[in-house]
Amino acid sequence: METAGNIIIIVSLVFMFFGVVALFKFETFYLRILITSKIDTVGMITLIIGFALKHGLSFFTGKLLLLAAIILVLNPLVAHIIARCAYLSNQENG
Protein backbone atom coordinates (compact mmCIF):
# COMPACT_ATOMS: atom_id res chain seq x y z
CA MET A 1 0.00 0.00 0.00
CA GLU A 2 2.90 2.34 0.67
CA THR A 3 4.11 2.03 -2.93
CA ALA A 4 0.64 2.83 -4.29
CA GLY A 5 0.47 5.82 -1.97
CA ASN A 6 3.84 7.07 -3.18
CA ILE A 7 2.79 6.70 -6.82
CA ILE A 8 -0.44 8.64 -6.23
CA ILE A 9 1.48 11.39 -4.40
CA ILE A 10 3.92 11.69 -7.31
CA VAL A 11 1.03 11.83 -9.81
CA SER A 12 -0.57 14.56 -7.71
CA LEU A 13 2.61 16.63 -7.63
CA VAL A 14 3.06 16.25 -11.40
CA PHE A 15 -0.55 17.35 -11.94
CA MET A 16 0.00 20.41 -9.76
CA PHE A 17 3.23 21.27 -11.58
CA PHE A 18 1.56 21.16 -15.00
CA GLY A 19 -1.36 23.14 -13.59
CA VAL A 20 0.97 25.90 -12.43
CA VAL A 21 2.65 25.94 -15.87
CA ALA A 22 -0.80 26.22 -17.50
CA LEU A 23 -1.67 29.02 -15.08
CA PHE A 24 1.07 31.20 -16.57
CA LYS A 25 -0.04 30.36 -20.12
CA PHE A 26 -3.52 31.84 -19.84
CA GLU A 27 -3.95 35.60 -19.70
CA THR A 28 -7.57 36.21 -18.75
CA PHE A 29 -8.67 36.29 -15.15
CA TYR A 30 -11.51 33.82 -15.58
CA LEU A 31 -9.33 31.14 -17.17
CA ARG A 32 -6.77 31.58 -14.40
CA ILE A 33 -9.36 31.24 -11.66
CA LEU A 34 -10.68 28.08 -13.37
CA ILE A 35 -7.21 26.53 -13.58
CA THR A 36 -6.41 27.51 -9.99
CA SER A 37 -9.61 25.91 -8.75
CA LYS A 38 -8.84 22.67 -10.58
CA ILE A 39 -5.25 22.57 -9.36
CA ASP A 40 -6.37 23.03 -5.76
CA THR A 41 -9.24 20.59 -5.81
CA VAL A 42 -7.90 17.69 -7.87
CA GLY A 43 -4.28 18.06 -6.77
CA MET A 44 -5.04 18.19 -3.07
CA ILE A 45 -7.63 15.40 -3.19
CA THR A 46 -5.20 13.02 -4.90
CA LEU A 47 -2.42 14.08 -2.52
CA ILE A 48 -4.65 13.36 0.48
CA ILE A 49 -5.68 9.99 -0.97
CA GLY A 50 -2.00 9.12 -1.43
CA PHE A 51 -1.23 10.00 2.20
CA ALA A 52 -4.27 8.02 3.36
CA LEU A 53 -3.04 4.95 1.47
CA LYS A 54 0.43 5.31 2.98
CA HIS A 55 -0.86 5.47 6.56
CA GLY A 56 -3.48 2.73 6.33
CA LEU A 57 -6.67 2.70 8.36
CA SER A 58 -6.22 4.95 11.40
CA PHE A 59 -7.57 8.04 13.11
CA PHE A 60 -5.18 10.13 10.99
CA THR A 61 -6.75 8.72 7.81
CA GLY A 62 -10.20 9.71 9.05
CA LYS A 63 -9.01 13.27 9.59
CA LEU A 64 -7.48 13.28 6.11
CA LEU A 65 -10.73 12.12 4.52
CA LEU A 66 -12.66 14.80 6.45
CA LEU A 67 -10.19 17.38 5.15
CA ALA A 68 -10.69 16.05 1.60
CA ALA A 69 -14.46 16.44 1.93
CA ILE A 70 -14.05 20.02 3.15
CA ILE A 71 -11.69 20.85 0.27
CA LEU A 72 -14.07 19.23 -2.23
CA VAL A 73 -16.90 21.50 -1.09
CA LEU A 74 -15.10 24.76 -0.33
CA ASN A 75 -12.60 25.16 -3.20
CA PRO A 76 -15.16 25.47 -6.03
CA LEU A 77 -17.35 27.65 -3.82
CA VAL A 78 -14.54 30.08 -3.03
CA ALA A 79 -13.45 30.23 -6.68
CA HIS A 80 -17.01 31.05 -7.69
CA ILE A 81 -17.27 33.79 -5.05
CA ILE A 82 -13.98 35.37 -6.17
CA ALA A 83 -14.97 35.27 -9.85
CA ARG A 84 -18.43 36.66 -9.16
CA CYS A 85 -17.08 39.52 -7.05
CA ALA A 86 -14.59 40.37 -9.79
CA TYR A 87 -17.36 40.31 -12.40
CA LEU A 88 -19.72 42.48 -10.37
CA SER A 89 -17.05 45.06 -9.59
CA ASN A 90 -15.57 45.07 -13.13
CA GLN A 91 -12.12 44.20 -11.78
CA GLU A 92 -11.49 41.03 -13.77
CA ASN A 93 -8.55 42.45 -15.75
CA GLY A 94 -6.92 44.41 -12.96
C-alpha atoms as a PDB file:
ATOM      1  CA  MET A   1       0.000   0.000   0.000  1.00  0.00           C
ATOM      2  CA  GLU A   2       2.897   2.341   0.667  1.00  0.00           C
ATOM      3  CA  THR A   3       4.112   2.026  -2.928  1.00  0.00           C
ATOM      4  CA  ALA A   4       0.637   2.826  -4.290  1.00  0.00           C
ATOM      5  CA  GLY A   5       0.465   5.820  -1.967  1.00  0.00           C
ATOM      6  CA  ASN A   6       3.840   7.070  -3.184  1.00  0.00           C
ATOM      7  CA  ILE A   7       2.787   6.704  -6.821  1.00  0.00           C
ATOM      8  CA  ILE A   8      -0.440   8.640  -6.225  1.00  0.00           C
ATOM      9  CA  ILE A   9       1.479  11.387  -4.397  1.00  0.00           C
ATOM     10  CA  ILE A  10       3.917  11.687  -7.311  1.00  0.00           C
ATOM     11  CA  VAL A  11       1.029  11.834  -9.815  1.00  0.00           C
ATOM     12  CA  SER A  12      -0.575  14.555  -7.714  1.00  0.00           C
ATOM     13  CA  LEU A  13       2.607  16.631  -7.634  1.00  0.00           C
ATOM     14  CA  VAL A  14       3.064  16.249 -11.404  1.00  0.00           C
ATOM     15  CA  PHE A  15      -0.545  17.350 -11.936  1.00  0.00           C
ATOM     16  CA  MET A  16      -0.001  20.410  -9.755  1.00  0.00           C
ATOM     17  CA  PHE A  17       3.228  21.268 -11.578  1.00  0.00           C
ATOM     18  CA  PHE A  18       1.563  21.165 -14.997  1.00  0.00           C
ATOM     19  CA  GLY A  19      -1.359  23.137 -13.592  1.00  0.00           C
ATOM     20  CA  VAL A  20       0.968  25.899 -12.434  1.00  0.00           C
ATOM     21  CA  VAL A  21       2.648  25.943 -15.865  1.00  0.00           C
ATOM     22  CA  ALA A  22      -0.798  26.224 -17.497  1.00  0.00           C
ATOM     23  CA  LEU A  23      -1.665  29.021 -15.084  1.00  0.00           C
ATOM     24  CA  PHE A  24       1.067  31.199 -16.573  1.00  0.00           C
ATOM     25  CA  LYS A  25      -0.038  30.356 -20.124  1.00  0.00           C
ATOM     26  CA  PHE A  26      -3.522  31.845 -19.839  1.00  0.00           C
ATOM     27  CA  GLU A  27      -3.949  35.596 -19.703  1.00  0.00           C
ATOM     28  CA  THR A  28      -7.569  36.208 -18.755  1.00  0.00           C
ATOM     29  CA  PHE A  29      -8.666  36.291 -15.150  1.00  0.00           C
ATOM     30  CA  TYR A  30     -11.511  33.818 -15.584  1.00  0.00           C
ATOM     31  CA  LEU A  31      -9.331  31.137 -17.169  1.00  0.00           C
ATOM     32  CA  ARG A  32      -6.769  31.585 -14.404  1.00  0.00           C
ATOM     33  CA  ILE A  33      -9.360  31.240 -11.660  1.00  0.00           C
ATOM     34  CA  LEU A  34     -10.684  28.084 -13.367  1.00  0.00           C
ATOM     35  CA  ILE A  35      -7.212  26.528 -13.583  1.00  0.00           C
ATOM     36  CA  THR A  36      -6.410  27.507  -9.989  1.00  0.00           C
ATOM     37  CA  SER A  37      -9.614  25.912  -8.746  1.00  0.00           C
ATOM     38  CA  LYS A  38      -8.843  22.670 -10.585  1.00  0.00           C
ATOM     39  CA  ILE A  39      -5.250  22.574  -9.361  1.00  0.00           C
ATOM     40  CA  ASP A  40      -6.365  23.026  -5.758  1.00  0.00           C
ATOM     41  CA  THR A  41      -9.240  20.591  -5.815  1.00  0.00           C
ATOM     42  CA  VAL A  42      -7.901  17.691  -7.870  1.00  0.00           C
ATOM     43  CA  GLY A  43      -4.279  18.061  -6.770  1.00  0.00           C
ATOM     44  CA  MET A  44      -5.035  18.189  -3.073  1.00  0.00           C
ATOM     45  CA  ILE A  45      -7.632  15.397  -3.194  1.00  0.00           C
ATOM     46  CA  THR A  46      -5.197  13.017  -4.902  1.00  0.00           C
ATOM     47  CA  LEU A  47      -2.422  14.079  -2.518  1.00  0.00           C
ATOM     48  CA  ILE A  48      -4.646  13.360   0.481  1.00  0.00           C
ATOM     49  CA  ILE A  49      -5.676   9.993  -0.974  1.00  0.00           C
ATOM     50  CA  GLY A  50      -1.996   9.123  -1.426  1.00  0.00           C
ATOM     51  CA  PHE A  51      -1.226  10.001   2.195  1.00  0.00           C
ATOM     52  CA  ALA A  52      -4.270   8.023   3.359  1.00  0.00           C
ATOM     53  CA  LEU A  53      -3.039   4.954   1.469  1.00  0.00           C
ATOM     54  CA  LYS A  54       0.425   5.310   2.982  1.00  0.00           C
ATOM     55  CA  HIS A  55      -0.858   5.469   6.562  1.00  0.00           C
ATOM     56  CA  GLY A  56      -3.479   2.733   6.331  1.00  0.00           C
ATOM     57  CA  LEU A  57      -6.673   2.705   8.357  1.00  0.00           C
ATOM     58  CA  SER A  58      -6.217   4.954  11.402  1.00  0.00           C
ATOM     59  CA  PHE A  59      -7.570   8.036  13.107  1.00  0.00           C
ATOM     60  CA  PHE A  60      -5.182  10.129  10.986  1.00  0.00           C
ATOM     61  CA  THR A  61      -6.748   8.722   7.813  1.00  0.00           C
ATOM     62  CA  GLY A  62     -10.199   9.714   9.049  1.00  0.00           C
ATOM     63  CA  LYS A  63      -9.007  13.266   9.591  1.00  0.00           C
ATOM     64  CA  LEU A  64      -7.480  13.283   6.109  1.00  0.00           C
ATOM     65  CA  LEU A  65     -10.734  12.122   4.525  1.00  0.00           C
ATOM     66  CA  LEU A  66     -12.657  14.796   6.449  1.00  0.00           C
ATOM     67  CA  LEU A  67     -10.191  17.378   5.152  1.00  0.00           C
ATOM     68  CA  ALA A  68     -10.688  16.050   1.602  1.00  0.00           C
ATOM     69  CA  ALA A  69     -14.458  16.442   1.934  1.00  0.00           C
ATOM     70  CA  ILE A  70     -14.047  20.022   3.151  1.00  0.00           C
ATOM     71  CA  ILE A  71     -11.690  20.846   0.268  1.00  0.00           C
ATOM     72  CA  LEU A  72     -14.072  19.230  -2.229  1.00  0.00           C
ATOM     73  CA  VAL A  73     -16.904  21.501  -1.090  1.00  0.00           C
ATOM     74  CA  LEU A  74     -15.104  24.762  -0.332  1.00  0.00           C
ATOM     75  CA  ASN A  75     -12.595  25.158  -3.197  1.00  0.00           C
ATOM     76  CA  PRO A  76     -15.155  25.468  -6.028  1.00  0.00           C
ATOM     77  CA  LEU A  77     -17.351  27.647  -3.824  1.00  0.00           C
ATOM     78  CA  VAL A  78     -14.543  30.077  -3.028  1.00  0.00           C
ATOM     79  CA  ALA A  79     -13.451  30.225  -6.682  1.00  0.00           C
ATOM     80  CA  HIS A  80     -17.009  31.052  -7.686  1.00  0.00           C
ATOM     81  CA  ILE A  81     -17.267  33.787  -5.054  1.00  0.00           C
ATOM     82  CA  ILE A  82     -13.982  35.374  -6.173  1.00  0.00           C
ATOM     83  CA  ALA A  83     -14.974  35.271  -9.850  1.00  0.00           C
ATOM     84  CA  ARG A  84     -18.432  36.665  -9.159  1.00  0.00           C
ATOM     85  CA  CYS A  85     -17.077  39.522  -7.052  1.00  0.00           C
ATOM     86  CA  ALA A  86     -14.588  40.374  -9.793  1.00  0.00           C
ATOM     87  CA  TYR A  87     -17.356  40.314 -12.400  1.00  0.00           C
ATOM     88  CA  LEU A  88     -19.720  42.485 -10.368  1.00  0.00           C
ATOM     89  CA  SER A  89     -17.050  45.061  -9.585  1.00  0.00           C
ATOM     90  CA  ASN A  90     -15.573  45.066 -13.134  1.00  0.00           C
ATOM     91  CA  GLN A  91     -12.123  44.203 -11.777  1.00  0.00           C
ATOM     92  CA  GLU A  92     -11.488  41.030 -13.775  1.00  0.00           C
ATOM     93  CA  ASN A  93      -8.549  42.449 -15.753  1.00  0.00           C
ATOM     94  CA  GLY A  94      -6.915  44.411 -12.964  1.00  0.00           C
END
